Structures are given as structure tokens and as C-alpha cells.
Amino acid sequence: MAHMTETSAIFTAASVAVVTWVALFGYLMKIDTALKKLEGRK
């Protein structure tokens, strides 16, 4: 394993956090849209 400096470690952690939040946000938006469609059918 290559030696990771503190800066690259922080950058990696930040990148993972951003990707995770974007994925969660997109997933929540899909659920919200699906719920609105279901409510519209009633």
C-alpha cells in the first residue's frame, strides 16, 4: 500500500462523504417522487 499523506487521506475521506451524500440525496428524491405519484393516484 502506498504511503498516504494527511492531505490525501482527508481528500479521500471528503470524496467518499460527498459521493455518499449525493447517492443518499438522489435516493431520497426518487422515494419522494414515487410517493407523490402514489398520492396522485388516490
C-alpha atoms as a PDB file:
ATOM      1  CA  MET A   1       0.000   0.000   0.000  1.00  0.00           C
ATOM      2  CA  ALA A   2       1.313   3.403  -0.956  1.00  0.00           C
ATOM      3  CA  HIS A   3       2.154   5.908   1.752  1.00  0.00           C
ATOM      4  CA  MET A   4      -0.747   8.309   2.163  1.00  0.00           C
ATOM      5  CA  THR A   5      -0.118  11.826   3.349  1.00  0.00           C
ATOM      6  CA  GLU A   6      -2.571  13.504   5.685  1.00  0.00           C
ATOM      7  CA  THR A   7      -3.813  15.744   2.867  1.00  0.00           C
ATOM      8  CA  SER A   8      -4.617  12.871   0.509  1.00  0.00           C
ATOM      9  CA  ALA A   9      -6.295  10.974   3.347  1.00  0.00           C
ATOM     10  CA  ILE A  10      -8.533  13.970   4.087  1.00  0.00           C
ATOM     11  CA  PHE A  11      -9.253  14.408   0.367  1.00  0.00           C
ATOM     12  CA  THR A  12     -10.191  10.736   0.052  1.00  0.00           C
ATOM     13  CA  ALA A  13     -12.480  10.898   3.082  1.00  0.00           C
ATOM     14  CA  ALA A  14     -14.119  14.076   1.748  1.00  0.00           C
ATOM     15  CA  SER A  15     -14.664  12.477  -1.667  1.00  0.00           C
ATOM     16  CA  VAL A  16     -16.283   9.409  -0.109  1.00  0.00           C
ATOM     17  CA  ALA A  17     -18.509  11.622   2.048  1.00  0.00           C
ATOM     18  CA  VAL A  18     -19.629  13.703  -0.956  1.00  0.00           C
ATOM     19  CA  VAL A  19     -20.393  10.618  -3.057  1.00  0.00           C
ATOM     20  CA  THR A  20     -22.342   9.088  -0.159  1.00  0.00           C
ATOM     21  CA  TRP A  21     -24.421  12.256   0.398  1.00  0.00           C
ATOM     22  CA  VAL A  22     -25.146  12.632  -3.339  1.00  0.00           C
ATOM     23  CA  ALA A  23     -26.254   8.980  -3.540  1.00  0.00           C
ATOM     24  CA  LEU A  24     -28.457   9.352  -0.443  1.00  0.00           C
ATOM     25  CA  PHE A  25     -29.976  12.597  -1.728  1.00  0.00           C
ATOM     26  CA  GLY A  26     -30.753  11.060  -5.126  1.00  0.00           C
ATOM     27  CA  TYR A  27     -32.302   8.011  -3.444  1.00  0.00           C
ATOM     28  CA  LEU A  28     -34.484  10.212  -1.205  1.00  0.00           C
ATOM     29  CA  MET A  29     -35.597  12.284  -4.213  1.00  0.00           C
ATOM     30  CA  LYS A  30     -36.641   9.078  -6.021  1.00  0.00           C
ATOM     31  CA  ILE A  31     -38.686   7.966  -2.992  1.00  0.00           C
ATOM     32  CA  ASP A  32     -40.270  11.429  -2.698  1.00  0.00           C
ATOM     33  CA  THR A  33     -41.255  11.381  -6.385  1.00  0.00           C
ATOM     34  CA  ALA A  34     -42.674   7.851  -6.080  1.00  0.00           C
ATOM     35  CA  LEU A  35     -44.727   8.826  -3.015  1.00  0.00           C
ATOM     36  CA  LYS A  36     -46.135  11.879  -4.803  1.00  0.00           C
ATOM     37  CA  LYS A  37     -47.131   9.685  -7.763  1.00  0.00           C
ATOM     38  CA  LEU A  38     -48.869   7.227  -5.409  1.00  0.00           C
ATOM     39  CA  GLU A  39     -50.718  10.059  -3.660  1.00  0.00           C
ATOM     40  CA  GLY A  40     -51.792  11.445  -7.034  1.00  0.00           C
ATOM     41  CA  ARG A  41     -53.429   8.125  -7.981  1.00  0.00           C
ATOM     42  CA  LYS A  42     -55.785   8.178  -4.982  1.00  0.00           C
END
